[in-house]
C-alpha atoms as a PDB file:
ATOM      1  CA  MET A   1      14.914  -7.142  16.930  1.00  0.00           C
ATOM      2  CA  LYS A   2      13.189  -4.258  18.699  1.00  0.00           C
ATOM      3  CA  ARG A   3       9.950  -4.852  20.557  1.00  0.00           C
ATOM      4  CA  ILE A   4       7.637  -2.934  22.880  1.00  0.00           C
ATOM      5  CA  GLY A   5       6.335  -4.289  26.176  1.00  0.00           C
ATOM      6  CA  VAL A   6       3.429  -2.633  28.020  1.00  0.00           C
ATOM      7  CA  ASP A   7       2.023  -3.267  31.498  1.00  0.00           C
ATOM      8  CA  ILE A   8      -1.460  -1.896  32.188  1.00  0.00           C
ATOM      9  CA  GLY A   9      -1.757  -1.474  35.929  1.00  0.00           C
ATOM     10  CA  GLY A  10      -4.425  -0.060  38.187  1.00  0.00           C
ATOM     11  CA  THR A  11      -2.710   3.314  38.542  1.00  0.00           C
ATOM     12  CA  THR A  12      -0.045   3.446  35.816  1.00  0.00           C
ATOM     13  CA  ILE A  13       0.544   2.191  32.291  1.00  0.00           C
ATOM     14  CA  LYS A  14       4.248   1.486  31.841  1.00  0.00           C
ATOM     15  CA  GLY A  15       6.002   0.697  28.595  1.00  0.00           C
ATOM     16  CA  ALA A  16       9.512  -0.062  27.425  1.00  0.00           C
ATOM     17  CA  LEU A  17      11.241  -0.437  24.081  1.00  0.00           C
ATOM     18  CA  PHE A  18      13.673  -3.356  24.037  1.00  0.00           C
ATOM     19  CA  ASP A  19      16.525  -4.081  21.658  1.00  0.00           C
ATOM     20  CA  GLY A  20      17.441  -7.654  22.448  1.00  0.00           C
ATOM     21  CA  GLU A  21      17.670  -7.794  26.247  1.00  0.00           C
ATOM     22  CA  GLN A  22      18.457  -4.079  26.654  1.00  0.00           C
ATOM     23  CA  ILE A  23      15.859  -1.412  27.448  1.00  0.00           C
ATOM     24  CA  VAL A  24      16.453   1.509  25.087  1.00  0.00           C
ATOM     25  CA  ALA A  25      13.460   3.697  26.062  1.00  0.00           C
ATOM     26  CA  GLU A  26      10.759   3.841  28.728  1.00  0.00           C
ATOM     27  CA  HIS A  27       7.540   5.806  29.129  1.00  0.00           C
ATOM     28  CA  SER A  28       4.633   5.759  31.580  1.00  0.00           C
ATOM     29  CA  ALA A  29       1.290   7.501  32.036  1.00  0.00           C
ATOM     30  CA  PRO A  30      -1.458   7.380  34.678  1.00  0.00           C
ATOM     31  CA  THR A  31      -4.107   4.779  33.888  1.00  0.00           C
ATOM     32  CA  ASN A  32      -7.000   7.149  34.733  1.00  0.00           C
ATOM     33  CA  GLY A  33      -9.294   4.142  35.032  1.00  0.00           C
ATOM     34  CA  ARG A  34     -11.799   5.914  37.247  1.00  0.00           C
ATOM     35  CA  GLU A  35     -12.509   8.456  34.514  1.00  0.00           C
ATOM     36  CA  SER A  36     -13.587   6.207  31.621  1.00  0.00           C
ATOM     37  CA  ARG A  37     -12.583   3.470  29.217  1.00  0.00           C
ATOM     38  CA  GLU A  38     -11.600   6.176  26.746  1.00  0.00           C
ATOM     39  CA  ALA A  39      -9.238   7.711  29.331  1.00  0.00           C
ATOM     40  CA  ILE A  40      -7.456   4.358  29.705  1.00  0.00           C
ATOM     41  CA  LEU A  41      -7.090   4.035  25.931  1.00  0.00           C
ATOM     42  CA  LYS A  42      -5.812   7.610  25.662  1.00  0.00           C
ATOM     43  CA  SER A  43      -3.084   6.825  28.210  1.00  0.00           C
ATOM     44  CA  LEU A  44      -2.229   3.570  26.439  1.00  0.00           C
ATOM     45  CA  TYR A  45      -1.923   5.386  23.094  1.00  0.00           C
ATOM     46  CA  GLU A  46       0.288   8.022  24.741  1.00  0.00           C
ATOM     47  CA  VAL A  47       2.714   5.349  25.918  1.00  0.00           C
ATOM     48  CA  LEU A  48       2.685   3.497  22.588  1.00  0.00           C
ATOM     49  CA  ASP A  49       3.054   6.662  20.498  1.00  0.00           C
ATOM     50  CA  ASN A  50       6.039   7.720  22.585  1.00  0.00           C
ATOM     51  CA  LEU A  51       7.781   4.352  22.219  1.00  0.00           C
ATOM     52  CA  LYS A  52       6.946   3.446  18.626  1.00  0.00           C
ATOM     53  CA  THR A  53       9.134   6.259  17.282  1.00  0.00           C
ATOM     54  CA  GLY A  54      12.105   4.046  18.240  1.00  0.00           C
ATOM     55  CA  GLY A  55      10.851   1.178  16.074  1.00  0.00           C
ATOM     56  CA  GLY A  56       9.579  -2.175  17.186  1.00  0.00           C
ATOM     57  CA  SER A  57       8.576  -5.336  15.371  1.00  0.00           C
ATOM     58  CA  PHE A  58       5.739  -6.203  17.735  1.00  0.00           C
ATOM     59  CA  ILE A  59       3.958  -5.154  20.935  1.00  0.00           C
ATOM     60  CA  GLY A  60       3.258  -7.314  23.986  1.00  0.00           C
ATOM     61  CA  ILE A  61       0.634  -6.133  26.490  1.00  0.00           C
ATOM     62  CA  SER A  62      -0.066  -7.531  29.947  1.00  0.00           C
END
């Protein structure tokens, strides 16, 4: 089962697509938290959009 994991950090949003225990794709983007809430969401959507093309049954965010 494929799944996406995302870590929202102070400077970078990092995401990975997992198939079982193996990472099959990774993507990251600057958080841009000092700009606005919308800038953070834009970066989050960038990461998710890049990874969701590989599939994924669910998304976990921390």
